[in-house]
Amino acid sequence: EGPKGLAVRQLKWYVSWVQTVVRQVGLYLLSAWILEGSRP
C-alpha cells in the first residue's frame, strides 16, 4: 500500500466522520425546530 492508498483511507474515514456529525447536528436542529413549532 502506497501513500495514495493511505490518503484514500484517510479520506474515507474523514467523510464518514463528517456524515456522522452532520446527522447528529441535523437531528438536533430538527428536534429543536419541531419543539419550537409545537408550542402554543
C-alpha atoms as a PDB file:
ATOM      1  CA  GLU A   1       0.000   0.000   0.000  1.00  0.00           C
ATOM      2  CA  GLY A   2       1.499   3.303  -1.123  1.00  0.00           C
ATOM      3  CA  PRO A   3       0.855   6.822   0.117  1.00  0.00           C
ATOM      4  CA  LYS A   4      -2.105   7.069  -2.277  1.00  0.00           C
ATOM      5  CA  GLY A   5      -3.890   4.159  -0.568  1.00  0.00           C
ATOM      6  CA  LEU A   6      -3.311   5.743   2.824  1.00  0.00           C
ATOM      7  CA  ALA A   7      -4.714   9.064   1.603  1.00  0.00           C
ATOM      8  CA  VAL A   8      -7.813   7.330   0.231  1.00  0.00           C
ATOM      9  CA  ARG A   9      -8.365   5.543   3.540  1.00  0.00           C
ATOM     10  CA  GLN A  10      -7.966   8.786   5.497  1.00  0.00           C
ATOM     11  CA  LEU A  11     -10.402  10.497   3.125  1.00  0.00           C
ATOM     12  CA  LYS A  12     -12.991   7.733   3.600  1.00  0.00           C
ATOM     13  CA  TRP A  13     -12.604   7.972   7.388  1.00  0.00           C
ATOM     14  CA  TYR A  14     -12.983  11.758   7.230  1.00  0.00           C
ATOM     15  CA  VAL A  15     -16.093  11.556   5.029  1.00  0.00           C
ATOM     16  CA  SER A  16     -17.774   9.036   7.338  1.00  0.00           C
ATOM     17  CA  TRP A  17     -16.936  11.222  10.355  1.00  0.00           C
ATOM     18  CA  VAL A  18     -18.403  14.301   8.657  1.00  0.00           C
ATOM     19  CA  GLN A  19     -21.574  12.378   7.764  1.00  0.00           C
ATOM     20  CA  THR A  20     -21.958  11.298  11.393  1.00  0.00           C
ATOM     21  CA  VAL A  21     -21.529  14.855  12.691  1.00  0.00           C
ATOM     22  CA  VAL A  22     -23.921  16.275  10.089  1.00  0.00           C
ATOM     23  CA  ARG A  23     -26.508  13.645  11.036  1.00  0.00           C
ATOM     24  CA  GLN A  24     -26.178  14.415  14.760  1.00  0.00           C
ATOM     25  CA  VAL A  25     -26.395  18.181  14.240  1.00  0.00           C
ATOM     26  CA  GLY A  26     -29.250  17.773  11.758  1.00  0.00           C
ATOM     27  CA  LEU A  27     -31.268  15.669  14.196  1.00  0.00           C
ATOM     28  CA  TYR A  28     -30.604  18.173  16.970  1.00  0.00           C
ATOM     29  CA  LEU A  29     -31.679  21.146  14.851  1.00  0.00           C
ATOM     30  CA  LEU A  30     -34.728  19.279  13.559  1.00  0.00           C
ATOM     31  CA  SER A  31     -35.901  18.289  17.037  1.00  0.00           C
ATOM     32  CA  ALA A  32     -35.305  21.816  18.365  1.00  0.00           C
ATOM     33  CA  TRP A  33     -37.248  23.279  15.419  1.00  0.00           C
ATOM     34  CA  ILE A  34     -40.129  20.817  15.950  1.00  0.00           C
ATOM     35  CA  LEU A  35     -40.254  21.583  19.681  1.00  0.00           C
ATOM     36  CA  GLU A  36     -40.266  25.326  18.997  1.00  0.00           C
ATOM     37  CA  GLY A  37     -43.003  24.964  16.397  1.00  0.00           C
ATOM     38  CA  SER A  38     -45.217  22.754  18.571  1.00  0.00           C
ATOM     39  CA  ARG A  39     -45.514  25.347  21.332  1.00  0.00           C
ATOM     40  CA  PRO A  40     -48.837  27.217  21.530  1.00  0.00           C
END
